[in-house]
């Protein structure tokens, strides 16, 4: 798939493309999140990094192969070592969905990691126009740590994790462990999408606004994305009591104006009265995704002070996008 003339010109001029970090753990949820999110950002011609994080393995068995041979076979995707089959499956799905071709040029990279015989490995696929899809196998002491470390190495616009079965909690658990999703969402410097229950919903995005500058930036960004990706938008602003109803309606009206100015239709608007988290979660059940703006507080403050965005992320039954 080639870039549009505009995107190609941007790359030639050195403008950074939209970049997405997809966290793959082999679960159905991670592949559903990959499919939904790639479709959502498809018009942006985004660069994609598929990441699998695994623990340091001091006693990794290679079936009798020499480590150097094992590395080479792994990089050629011919050896079924931890994480490889999950990344191969994700790559093959991108080809199936038309997001990449099986004849892209590629190169391989390896970095030693102390205590682990295979270390970090990657394969970078790239078109002549410069678009990239990268498969990475990363070693780390924990999944959340590994994701955040990777996100710090180069800038991303969005991190995507599948996280539907939140009750599971084991040592070095897949991304469905809420601790992983919460840690990444709290500490990442870019937007984070926690994808849940994508099979049960398919009715666009519910955009939350409180009239603040941050939420209006969110509304604008969601409208731009909806215009390109052709999904419906609805707006919600929650009044904590009857005295705030007028303010909530004004917030919705401003959001409507922003969206309509961009030529995007609005499906529904809501101004319920009550606890914001409870109301957003309840209305959000009818949508594929709930989009909220981050508060702008530091990670430590988020843990101790909380925010509507992170409480919605914790309690929602469907996908939540925390936008920065």
Protein backbone atom coordinates (compact mmCIF):
# COMPACT_ATOMS: atom_id res chain seq x y z
CA UNK A 1 0.00 0.00 0.00
CA UNK A 2 1.53 3.28 -1.10
CA UNK A 3 1.18 6.64 0.60
CA UNK A 4 -1.00 9.42 -0.69
CA UNK A 5 0.77 12.25 -2.50
CA UNK A 6 0.27 14.51 0.52
CA UNK A 7 1.68 11.97 2.99
CA UNK A 8 4.59 11.20 0.68
CA UNK A 9 5.40 14.89 0.37
CA UNK A 10 5.26 15.25 4.15
CA UNK A 11 7.77 12.42 4.57
CA UNK A 12 10.05 13.99 1.99
CA UNK A 13 9.86 17.27 3.90
CA UNK A 14 10.80 15.49 7.13
CA UNK A 15 7.35 15.74 8.73
CA UNK A 16 6.93 12.91 11.24
CA UNK A 17 4.19 10.42 10.27
CA UNK A 18 1.55 9.24 12.72
CA UNK A 19 3.07 6.36 14.70
CA UNK A 20 1.24 3.61 16.59
CA UNK A 21 2.68 1.09 19.06
CA UNK A 22 0.56 -2.08 19.11
CA UNK A 23 1.19 -4.35 22.08
CA UNK A 24 0.70 -7.99 21.12
CA UNK A 25 0.36 -10.78 23.69
CA UNK A 26 -1.19 -13.54 21.57
CA UNK A 27 -4.70 -13.15 23.02
CA UNK A 28 -7.77 -12.75 20.83
CA UNK A 29 -8.24 -9.30 22.40
CA UNK A 30 -4.85 -8.09 21.18
CA UNK A 31 -5.65 -9.08 17.57
CA UNK A 32 -9.14 -7.57 17.80
CA UNK A 33 -7.53 -4.37 19.09
CA UNK A 34 -5.06 -4.48 16.21
CA UNK A 35 -7.81 -4.90 13.61
CA UNK A 36 -10.06 -2.19 15.06
CA UNK A 37 -7.27 0.32 15.56
CA UNK A 38 -5.55 -0.19 12.21
CA UNK A 39 -8.91 0.37 10.52
CA UNK A 40 -9.42 3.51 12.60
CA UNK A 41 -6.04 5.04 11.71
CA UNK A 42 -5.90 3.59 8.18
CA UNK A 43 -6.45 6.97 6.47
CA UNK A 44 -3.46 8.38 8.37
CA UNK A 45 -1.06 5.89 6.69
CA UNK A 46 0.52 5.36 10.09
CA UNK A 47 3.85 3.75 10.80
CA UNK A 48 3.19 0.64 12.92
CA UNK A 49 5.31 -1.08 15.55
CA UNK A 50 4.13 -4.51 16.73
CA UNK A 51 5.67 -5.23 20.13
CA UNK A 52 5.89 -8.41 22.19
CA UNK A 53 7.54 -8.10 25.61
CA UNK A 54 8.94 -11.18 27.29
CA UNK A 55 10.82 -11.74 30.59
CA UNK A 56 14.56 -12.25 30.78
CA UNK A 57 15.20 -15.97 30.32
CA UNK A 58 18.53 -17.17 31.70
CA UNK A 59 17.84 -20.78 30.72
CA UNK A 60 16.22 -20.38 27.31
CA UNK A 61 16.25 -23.64 25.38
CA UNK A 62 16.86 -23.53 21.64
CA UNK A 63 16.35 -27.20 20.84
CA UNK A 64 20.08 -27.86 20.47
CA UNK A 65 20.71 -24.96 18.10
CA UNK A 66 23.64 -22.67 18.67
CA UNK A 67 22.51 -19.30 20.00
CA UNK A 68 23.84 -17.45 16.95
CA UNK A 69 21.93 -19.80 14.63
CA UNK A 70 18.82 -19.52 16.78
CA UNK A 71 18.98 -15.74 16.55
CA UNK A 72 19.23 -15.82 12.77
CA UNK A 73 16.40 -18.29 12.37
CA UNK A 74 14.29 -16.25 14.77
CA UNK A 75 14.90 -13.09 12.80
CA UNK A 76 13.87 -14.95 9.67
CA UNK A 77 10.68 -15.98 11.54
CA UNK A 78 11.58 -19.64 11.04
CA UNK A 79 11.92 -20.61 14.70
CA UNK A 80 8.98 -20.86 17.11
CA UNK A 81 10.50 -19.11 20.11
CA UNK A 82 8.53 -17.07 22.70
CA UNK A 83 6.58 -14.24 21.09
CA UNK A 84 7.62 -14.99 17.51
CA UNK A 85 4.45 -16.81 16.52
CA UNK A 86 2.34 -13.98 17.97
CA UNK A 87 4.22 -11.34 15.98
CA UNK A 88 4.09 -13.48 12.83
CA UNK A 89 0.34 -13.83 13.25
CA UNK A 90 -0.04 -10.06 13.68
CA UNK A 91 2.08 -9.40 10.59
CA UNK A 92 0.08 -11.90 8.54
CA UNK A 93 -3.16 -10.27 9.64
CA UNK A 94 -1.90 -6.85 8.52
CA UNK A 95 -1.18 -8.36 5.11
CA UNK A 96 -4.63 -9.98 5.06
CA UNK A 97 -6.28 -6.64 5.91
CA UNK A 98 -4.32 -4.80 3.22
CA UNK A 99 -2.24 -2.73 5.64
CA UNK A 100 1.05 -4.08 4.26
CA UNK A 101 2.28 -6.33 1.46
CA UNK A 102 4.35 -9.49 1.68
CA UNK A 103 7.02 -8.12 -0.67
CA UNK A 104 8.14 -5.07 1.30
CA UNK A 105 11.89 -4.59 1.75
CA UNK A 106 13.09 -5.35 5.25
CA UNK A 107 16.13 -5.44 7.49
CA UNK A 108 16.84 -7.12 10.81
CA UNK A 109 18.39 -5.87 14.02
CA UNK A 110 19.64 -7.43 17.24
CA UNK A 111 20.73 -6.00 20.60
CA UNK A 112 22.29 -8.00 23.41
CA UNK A 113 20.50 -8.03 26.77
CA UNK A 114 22.46 -9.02 29.87
CA UNK A 115 21.39 -12.42 31.17
CA UNK A 116 19.28 -13.33 28.14
CA UNK A 117 20.78 -15.38 25.29
CA UNK A 118 18.51 -14.04 22.55
CA UNK A 119 18.21 -10.38 23.55
CA UNK A 120 16.07 -7.81 21.70
CA UNK A 121 15.28 -8.50 18.05
CA UNK A 122 13.36 -6.71 15.35
CA UNK A 123 12.42 -6.85 11.69
CA UNK A 124 11.63 -3.56 9.96
CA UNK A 125 9.52 -3.70 6.79
CA UNK A 126 9.54 -0.56 4.68
CA UNK A 127 8.11 0.68 1.38
CA UNK A 128 9.97 2.77 -1.16
CA UNK A 129 7.82 5.70 -0.05
CA UNK A 130 9.05 5.31 3.52
CA UNK A 131 6.13 3.77 5.39
CA UNK A 132 7.20 1.27 8.06
CA UNK A 133 5.85 -1.77 9.86
CA UNK A 134 8.21 -3.06 12.55
CA UNK A 135 8.01 -6.35 14.48
CA UNK A 136 9.85 -6.25 17.79
CA UNK A 137 10.63 -8.87 20.42
CA UNK A 138 11.77 -7.03 23.54
CA UNK A 139 13.19 -8.36 26.80
CA UNK A 140 12.19 -6.60 30.03
CA UNK A 141 11.65 -7.21 33.75
CA UNK A 142 7.92 -6.54 33.26
CA UNK A 143 5.41 -5.96 30.50
CA UNK A 144 4.42 -2.41 31.46
CA UNK A 145 8.07 -1.48 31.96
CA UNK A 146 8.99 -2.90 28.56
CA UNK A 147 6.17 -1.04 26.79
CA UNK A 148 7.04 2.26 28.45
CA UNK A 149 10.74 1.78 27.73
CA UNK A 150 9.96 1.21 24.07
CA UNK A 151 7.69 4.25 23.98
CA UNK A 152 10.52 6.38 25.35
CA UNK A 153 12.99 5.21 22.71
CA UNK A 154 11.12 6.99 19.91
CA UNK A 155 7.95 9.12 19.89
CA UNK A 156 4.53 7.55 19.34
CA UNK A 157 1.15 9.18 18.85
CA UNK A 158 -0.82 6.22 20.17
CA UNK A 159 -0.26 3.04 22.20
CA UNK A 160 -2.84 0.25 21.83
CA UNK A 161 -3.37 -2.62 24.29
CA UNK A 162 -6.08 -5.26 24.38
CA UNK A 163 -7.47 -5.57 27.92
CA UNK A 164 -10.83 -7.28 28.31
CA UNK A 165 -10.32 -9.99 30.95
CA UNK A 166 -9.35 -7.72 33.81
CA UNK A 167 -9.88 -10.21 36.61
CA UNK A 168 -6.82 -12.24 35.63
CA UNK A 169 -3.75 -11.44 37.67
CA UNK A 170 -0.65 -13.62 37.49
CA UNK A 171 3.04 -12.94 37.49
CA UNK A 172 4.08 -11.49 34.12
CA UNK A 173 0.53 -11.73 32.89
CA UNK A 174 -0.53 -10.72 29.36
CA UNK A 175 -1.83 -7.21 28.71
CA UNK A 176 -5.25 -8.20 30.05
CA UNK A 177 -3.85 -7.67 33.55
CA UNK A 178 -5.28 -4.28 34.58
CA UNK A 179 -2.03 -3.33 36.29
CA UNK A 180 -0.30 -3.33 32.89
CA UNK A 181 -2.97 -1.24 31.17
CA UNK A 182 -3.23 1.22 34.05
CA UNK A 183 0.52 1.68 34.39
CA UNK A 184 0.95 2.29 30.69
CA UNK A 185 -2.03 4.67 30.52
CA UNK A 186 -0.84 6.64 33.56
CA UNK A 187 2.82 6.98 32.64
CA UNK A 188 2.82 7.12 28.83
CA UNK A 189 3.36 10.55 27.32
CA UNK A 190 1.11 9.85 24.31
CA UNK A 191 -2.53 8.78 23.89
CA UNK A 192 -3.40 5.25 25.05
CA UNK A 193 -6.22 3.02 23.79
CA UNK A 194 -7.33 0.20 26.09
CA UNK A 195 -9.39 -2.08 23.83
CA UNK A 196 -12.16 -4.22 25.32
CA UNK A 197 -15.24 -6.07 24.07
CA UNK A 198 -14.81 -4.98 20.46
CA UNK A 199 -17.04 -7.82 19.27
CA UNK A 200 -20.02 -6.57 21.25
CA UNK A 201 -19.99 -2.98 20.06
CA UNK A 202 -19.81 -1.20 16.74
CA UNK A 203 -21.52 2.11 17.09
CA UNK A 204 -18.87 4.78 16.80
CA UNK A 205 -17.18 6.90 19.44
CA UNK A 206 -18.62 8.62 22.50
CA UNK A 207 -16.65 11.84 23.00
CA UNK A 208 -16.61 13.31 26.50
CA UNK A 209 -16.35 17.04 27.07
CA UNK A 210 -16.41 19.32 30.08
CA UNK A 211 -15.86 22.53 28.15
CA UNK A 212 -12.17 22.69 29.04
CA UNK A 213 -9.50 23.52 26.50
CA UNK A 214 -8.14 19.95 26.69
CA UNK A 215 -11.53 18.40 26.02
CA UNK A 216 -12.17 20.72 23.08
CA UNK A 217 -8.83 19.71 21.56
CA UNK A 218 -10.01 16.11 21.99
CA UNK A 219 -13.30 16.93 20.25
CA UNK A 220 -11.44 18.51 17.33
CA UNK A 221 -9.06 15.56 16.96
CA UNK A 222 -11.87 13.01 17.14
CA UNK A 223 -13.83 14.95 14.51
CA UNK A 224 -10.83 15.00 12.17
CA UNK A 225 -10.35 11.27 12.61
CA UNK A 226 -14.08 10.56 12.17
CA UNK A 227 -14.08 12.58 8.95
CA UNK A 228 -11.23 10.49 7.54
CA UNK A 229 -12.36 7.11 8.92
CA UNK A 230 -16.12 7.61 8.52
CA UNK A 231 -17.37 6.50 11.94
CA UNK A 232 -20.22 8.21 13.85
CA UNK A 233 -19.61 10.57 16.77
CA UNK A 234 -21.74 11.28 19.83
CA UNK A 235 -21.08 13.79 22.60
CA UNK A 236 -21.60 13.62 26.34
CA UNK A 237 -21.14 16.19 29.09
CA UNK A 238 -22.18 15.24 32.61
CA UNK A 239 -23.66 17.69 35.12
CA UNK A 240 -22.93 16.72 38.72
CA UNK A 241 -26.16 18.36 39.84
CA UNK A 242 -29.04 20.40 38.42
CA UNK A 243 -27.07 23.63 38.87
CA UNK A 244 -24.50 22.39 36.33
CA UNK A 245 -26.97 21.37 33.61
CA UNK A 246 -26.67 24.70 31.78
CA UNK A 247 -22.87 24.44 31.81
CA UNK A 248 -23.03 20.85 30.49
CA UNK A 249 -25.36 21.88 27.68
CA UNK A 250 -23.08 24.77 26.77
CA UNK A 251 -20.12 22.38 26.64
CA UNK A 252 -22.04 20.08 24.31
CA UNK A 253 -23.06 23.01 22.11
CA UNK A 254 -19.44 24.13 21.71
CA UNK A 255 -18.40 20.56 20.86
CA UNK A 256 -21.23 20.33 18.31
CA UNK A 257 -20.03 23.53 16.65
CA UNK A 258 -16.44 22.23 16.41
CA UNK A 259 -17.57 18.94 14.89
CA UNK A 260 -20.06 20.43 12.44
CA UNK A 261 -17.53 23.04 11.30
CA UNK A 262 -15.43 20.12 10.13
CA UNK A 263 -18.34 18.67 8.19
CA UNK A 264 -18.94 15.69 10.49
CA UNK A 265 -22.41 14.56 11.47
CA UNK A 266 -23.32 14.07 15.14
CA UNK A 267 -25.31 10.97 16.00
CA UNK A 268 -26.45 11.78 19.57
CA UNK A 269 -25.81 14.20 22.41
CA UNK A 270 -26.19 13.55 26.15
CA UNK A 271 -26.26 15.81 29.21
CA UNK A 272 -27.13 13.46 32.11
CA UNK A 273 -27.06 14.52 35.76
CA UNK A 274 -25.07 12.47 38.24
CA UNK A 275 -21.63 11.03 38.88
CA UNK A 276 -19.54 11.60 35.71
CA UNK A 277 -17.81 8.24 35.82
CA UNK A 278 -21.03 6.28 36.33
CA UNK A 279 -22.92 8.20 33.63
CA UNK A 280 -20.14 7.99 31.05
CA UNK A 281 -19.63 4.26 31.63
CA UNK A 282 -23.38 3.60 31.34
CA UNK A 283 -23.91 5.60 28.14
CA UNK A 284 -20.60 4.32 26.78
CA UNK A 285 -21.84 0.72 26.76
CA UNK A 286 -23.59 1.49 23.47
CA UNK A 287 -20.38 2.60 21.73
CA UNK A 288 -17.24 0.99 20.41
CA UNK A 289 -15.04 3.49 22.19
CA UNK A 290 -15.19 6.18 24.88
CA UNK A 291 -12.76 9.06 24.25
CA UNK A 292 -11.65 11.32 27.11
CA UNK A 293 -8.98 13.95 27.56
CA UNK A 294 -6.22 13.41 30.09
CA UNK A 295 -6.17 15.80 33.05
CA UNK A 296 -2.58 16.83 32.43
CA UNK A 297 -1.51 15.80 35.92
CA UNK A 298 1.70 13.88 36.53
CA UNK A 299 1.61 10.12 37.00
CA UNK A 300 1.98 10.36 40.78
CA UNK A 301 -0.87 12.87 41.06
CA UNK A 302 -3.07 10.66 38.90
CA UNK A 303 -2.57 7.77 41.29
CA UNK A 304 -3.38 9.77 44.41
CA UNK A 305 -5.91 12.26 43.08
CA UNK A 306 -7.54 10.21 40.35
CA UNK A 307 -9.39 11.59 37.35
CA UNK A 308 -12.59 10.90 35.46
CA UNK A 309 -10.58 9.55 32.52
CA UNK A 310 -8.73 6.95 34.53
CA UNK A 311 -11.75 5.92 36.58
CA UNK A 312 -13.70 5.41 33.34
CA UNK A 313 -10.80 3.36 31.99
CA UNK A 314 -10.93 1.19 35.09
CA UNK A 315 -14.71 0.61 35.17
CA UNK A 316 -15.80 0.70 31.52
CA UNK A 317 -16.90 -2.53 29.86
CA UNK A 318 -15.72 -1.42 26.44
CA UNK A 319 -12.77 0.39 24.88
CA UNK A 320 -11.41 3.64 26.31
CA UNK A 321 -9.12 6.14 24.61
CA UNK A 322 -7.22 8.51 26.92
CA UNK A 323 -6.04 11.37 24.72
CA UNK A 324 -2.99 13.55 25.27
